[in-house]
Amino acid sequence: TLDRENPCLLKFPQNEKIKFIACGDYHSMCITESNQVYAWGDNDCGQLGVGDTEKRTNPSLVSIPNNEPVALIASG
């Protein structure tokens, strides 16, 4: 809930590793090496895609319909 000037370590379930990340002004998303999508940050308009409008301070798994593979994400 605090603005940060320096990077901080994020912890993912099962020590997932990030293979792609997209950062917006107030939220970020990533694709992990196991092709899971996680999102965190401001969510007042539901922009995280997690089914609610709660701010997320930790990466939250985004449910992808039919487990379709995700090739690219964008935040902004």
N, C-alpha and C. Protein backbone atom coordinates (compact mmCIF):
# COMPACT_ATOMS: atom_id res chain seq x y z
N THR A 1 0.82 -1.21 0.00
CA THR A 1 0.00 0.00 0.00
C THR A 1 0.85 1.26 0.00
N LEU A 2 2.17 1.11 -0.05
CA LEU A 2 3.08 2.25 -0.07
C LEU A 2 3.70 2.42 -1.44
N ASP A 3 3.88 3.67 -1.85
CA ASP A 3 4.65 3.93 -3.06
C ASP A 3 6.10 3.56 -2.79
N ARG A 4 6.76 3.00 -3.78
CA ARG A 4 8.16 2.58 -3.60
C ARG A 4 9.01 3.19 -4.69
N GLU A 5 10.18 3.64 -4.30
CA GLU A 5 11.13 4.21 -5.25
C GLU A 5 12.12 3.17 -5.74
N ASN A 6 12.23 2.04 -5.03
CA ASN A 6 13.17 0.99 -5.38
C ASN A 6 12.43 -0.33 -5.56
N PRO A 7 12.97 -1.22 -6.39
CA PRO A 7 12.34 -2.53 -6.58
C PRO A 7 12.27 -3.32 -5.27
N CYS A 8 11.26 -4.17 -5.16
CA CYS A 8 11.15 -5.06 -4.01
C CYS A 8 10.88 -6.47 -4.52
N LEU A 9 11.25 -7.45 -3.73
CA LEU A 9 11.10 -8.85 -4.09
C LEU A 9 9.63 -9.26 -4.02
N LEU A 10 9.14 -9.93 -5.06
CA LEU A 10 7.80 -10.49 -5.08
C LEU A 10 7.90 -12.00 -4.90
N LYS A 11 6.99 -12.56 -4.15
CA LYS A 11 6.99 -14.00 -3.94
C LYS A 11 5.79 -14.62 -4.65
N PHE A 12 6.08 -15.65 -5.42
CA PHE A 12 5.06 -16.36 -6.16
C PHE A 12 4.91 -17.78 -5.61
N PRO A 13 3.71 -18.38 -5.73
CA PRO A 13 3.54 -19.76 -5.30
C PRO A 13 4.52 -20.69 -6.00
N GLN A 14 4.99 -21.70 -5.33
CA GLN A 14 5.92 -22.69 -5.86
C GLN A 14 7.15 -22.04 -6.52
N ASN A 15 7.54 -20.87 -6.03
CA ASN A 15 8.72 -20.17 -6.57
C ASN A 15 8.68 -20.00 -8.08
N GLU A 16 7.50 -19.69 -8.61
CA GLU A 16 7.36 -19.44 -10.05
C GLU A 16 8.39 -18.41 -10.50
N LYS A 17 8.87 -18.54 -11.71
CA LYS A 17 9.81 -17.59 -12.30
C LYS A 17 9.09 -16.80 -13.39
N ILE A 18 9.35 -15.51 -13.46
CA ILE A 18 8.72 -14.64 -14.46
C ILE A 18 9.46 -14.75 -15.78
N LYS A 19 8.68 -14.90 -16.88
CA LYS A 19 9.30 -14.89 -18.20
C LYS A 19 8.92 -13.62 -18.99
N PHE A 20 7.84 -12.93 -18.58
CA PHE A 20 7.44 -11.68 -19.23
C PHE A 20 6.68 -10.84 -18.22
N ILE A 21 6.94 -9.54 -18.22
CA ILE A 21 6.24 -8.65 -17.30
C ILE A 21 5.79 -7.40 -18.04
N ALA A 22 4.62 -6.90 -17.66
CA ALA A 22 4.09 -5.66 -18.22
C ALA A 22 3.71 -4.76 -17.06
N CYS A 23 4.21 -3.54 -17.06
CA CYS A 23 3.96 -2.61 -15.96
C CYS A 23 3.18 -1.41 -16.43
N GLY A 24 2.13 -1.08 -15.70
CA GLY A 24 1.36 0.12 -15.97
C GLY A 24 1.66 1.16 -14.91
N ASP A 25 0.92 2.26 -14.90
CA ASP A 25 1.14 3.30 -13.90
C ASP A 25 0.82 2.80 -12.49
N TYR A 26 -0.24 2.02 -12.35
CA TYR A 26 -0.70 1.63 -11.02
C TYR A 26 -0.90 0.13 -10.84
N HIS A 27 -0.59 -0.66 -11.84
CA HIS A 27 -0.70 -2.12 -11.72
C HIS A 27 0.29 -2.79 -12.65
N SER A 28 0.59 -4.05 -12.35
CA SER A 28 1.51 -4.82 -13.17
C SER A 28 0.96 -6.22 -13.36
N MET A 29 1.43 -6.88 -14.42
CA MET A 29 1.03 -8.25 -14.71
C MET A 29 2.25 -9.00 -15.21
N CYS A 30 2.23 -10.32 -15.07
CA CYS A 30 3.33 -11.10 -15.60
C CYS A 30 2.84 -12.46 -16.08
N ILE A 31 3.65 -13.07 -16.94
CA ILE A 31 3.46 -14.46 -17.35
C ILE A 31 4.65 -15.21 -16.76
N THR A 32 4.37 -16.34 -16.13
CA THR A 32 5.44 -17.12 -15.53
C THR A 32 5.93 -18.19 -16.52
N GLU A 33 7.03 -18.83 -16.14
CA GLU A 33 7.58 -19.88 -16.99
C GLU A 33 6.61 -21.05 -17.17
N SER A 34 5.68 -21.23 -16.23
CA SER A 34 4.67 -22.29 -16.36
C SER A 34 3.39 -21.76 -17.04
N ASN A 35 3.50 -20.57 -17.67
CA ASN A 35 2.41 -19.93 -18.43
C ASN A 35 1.20 -19.54 -17.59
N GLN A 36 1.42 -19.24 -16.32
CA GLN A 36 0.37 -18.69 -15.47
C GLN A 36 0.45 -17.16 -15.58
N VAL A 37 -0.69 -16.49 -15.46
CA VAL A 37 -0.73 -15.03 -15.48
C VAL A 37 -1.07 -14.55 -14.07
N TYR A 38 -0.26 -13.61 -13.57
CA TYR A 38 -0.48 -13.00 -12.27
C TYR A 38 -0.61 -11.50 -12.45
N ALA A 39 -1.40 -10.86 -11.57
CA ALA A 39 -1.59 -9.42 -11.61
C ALA A 39 -1.60 -8.87 -10.20
N TRP A 40 -1.16 -7.62 -10.04
CA TRP A 40 -1.18 -6.97 -8.73
C TRP A 40 -1.17 -5.46 -8.92
N GLY A 41 -1.61 -4.75 -7.87
CA GLY A 41 -1.65 -3.29 -7.90
C GLY A 41 -3.07 -2.77 -7.77
N ASP A 42 -3.28 -1.56 -8.28
CA ASP A 42 -4.59 -0.92 -8.21
C ASP A 42 -5.58 -1.72 -9.06
N ASN A 43 -6.81 -1.78 -8.64
CA ASN A 43 -7.81 -2.61 -9.33
C ASN A 43 -9.19 -1.98 -9.22
N ASP A 44 -9.25 -0.64 -9.09
CA ASP A 44 -10.54 0.01 -8.86
C ASP A 44 -11.52 -0.14 -10.02
N CYS A 45 -11.04 -0.45 -11.20
CA CYS A 45 -11.93 -0.68 -12.36
C CYS A 45 -11.91 -2.13 -12.80
N GLY A 46 -11.35 -3.01 -11.99
CA GLY A 46 -11.28 -4.42 -12.35
C GLY A 46 -10.20 -4.75 -13.37
N GLN A 47 -9.24 -3.84 -13.54
CA GLN A 47 -8.22 -4.01 -14.57
C GLN A 47 -7.30 -5.21 -14.36
N LEU A 48 -7.27 -5.78 -13.17
CA LEU A 48 -6.41 -6.94 -12.94
C LEU A 48 -7.00 -8.22 -13.51
N GLY A 49 -8.29 -8.24 -13.75
CA GLY A 49 -8.91 -9.43 -14.32
C GLY A 49 -9.07 -10.58 -13.35
N VAL A 50 -9.14 -10.27 -12.05
CA VAL A 50 -9.26 -11.32 -11.04
C VAL A 50 -10.69 -11.47 -10.50
N GLY A 51 -11.64 -10.75 -11.08
CA GLY A 51 -13.04 -10.92 -10.72
C GLY A 51 -13.57 -10.01 -9.64
N ASP A 52 -12.79 -9.01 -9.23
CA ASP A 52 -13.28 -8.06 -8.23
C ASP A 52 -12.60 -6.71 -8.45
N THR A 53 -12.80 -5.78 -7.53
CA THR A 53 -12.18 -4.46 -7.64
C THR A 53 -11.32 -4.16 -6.41
N GLU A 54 -10.80 -5.20 -5.77
CA GLU A 54 -9.94 -5.05 -4.59
C GLU A 54 -8.50 -4.78 -5.03
N LYS A 55 -7.84 -3.83 -4.38
CA LYS A 55 -6.41 -3.59 -4.63
C LYS A 55 -5.64 -4.83 -4.18
N ARG A 56 -4.66 -5.26 -4.96
CA ARG A 56 -3.86 -6.44 -4.63
C ARG A 56 -2.41 -6.01 -4.40
N THR A 57 -1.90 -6.27 -3.21
CA THR A 57 -0.51 -5.93 -2.91
C THR A 57 0.43 -7.08 -3.23
N ASN A 58 -0.11 -8.28 -3.44
CA ASN A 58 0.68 -9.44 -3.82
C ASN A 58 0.17 -9.98 -5.15
N PRO A 59 1.02 -10.61 -5.93
CA PRO A 59 0.57 -11.18 -7.20
C PRO A 59 -0.58 -12.15 -6.99
N SER A 60 -1.64 -11.99 -7.79
CA SER A 60 -2.82 -12.85 -7.72
C SER A 60 -2.98 -13.56 -9.06
N LEU A 61 -3.28 -14.83 -9.00
CA LEU A 61 -3.46 -15.63 -10.21
C LEU A 61 -4.69 -15.17 -10.98
N VAL A 62 -4.52 -14.97 -12.28
CA VAL A 62 -5.63 -14.59 -13.16
C VAL A 62 -6.14 -15.86 -13.82
N SER A 63 -7.43 -16.11 -13.72
CA SER A 63 -8.03 -17.29 -14.34
C SER A 63 -8.24 -17.02 -15.83
N ILE A 64 -7.65 -17.87 -16.66
CA ILE A 64 -7.78 -17.73 -18.11
C ILE A 64 -8.82 -18.74 -18.60
N PRO A 65 -9.87 -18.27 -19.30
CA PRO A 65 -10.92 -19.19 -19.76
C PRO A 65 -10.35 -20.34 -20.60
N ASN A 66 -10.84 -21.54 -20.35
CA ASN A 66 -10.45 -22.75 -21.07
C ASN A 66 -8.95 -23.03 -21.02
N ASN A 67 -8.25 -22.44 -20.05
CA ASN A 67 -6.79 -22.61 -19.93
C ASN A 67 -6.07 -22.33 -21.23
N GLU A 68 -6.57 -21.37 -21.99
CA GLU A 68 -5.92 -20.99 -23.25
C GLU A 68 -4.52 -20.48 -22.96
N PRO A 69 -3.54 -20.81 -23.78
CA PRO A 69 -2.20 -20.29 -23.57
C PRO A 69 -2.15 -18.78 -23.81
N VAL A 70 -1.38 -18.08 -23.02
CA VAL A 70 -1.23 -16.63 -23.15
C VAL A 70 0.15 -16.33 -23.71
N ALA A 71 0.19 -15.61 -24.81
CA ALA A 71 1.46 -15.29 -25.46
C ALA A 71 1.98 -13.92 -25.08
N LEU A 72 1.08 -12.98 -24.76
CA LEU A 72 1.49 -11.61 -24.50
C LEU A 72 0.46 -10.93 -23.61
N ILE A 73 0.92 -10.04 -22.75
CA ILE A 73 0.04 -9.23 -21.92
C ILE A 73 0.48 -7.79 -22.01
N ALA A 74 -0.40 -6.86 -21.64
CA ALA A 74 -0.06 -5.44 -21.64
C ALA A 74 -0.79 -4.77 -20.48
N SER A 75 -0.14 -3.82 -19.85
CA SER A 75 -0.73 -3.03 -18.77
C SER A 75 -0.53 -1.56 -19.11
N GLY A 76 -1.54 -0.77 -18.85
CA GLY A 76 -1.35 0.64 -19.12
C GLY A 76 -2.63 1.38 -19.23
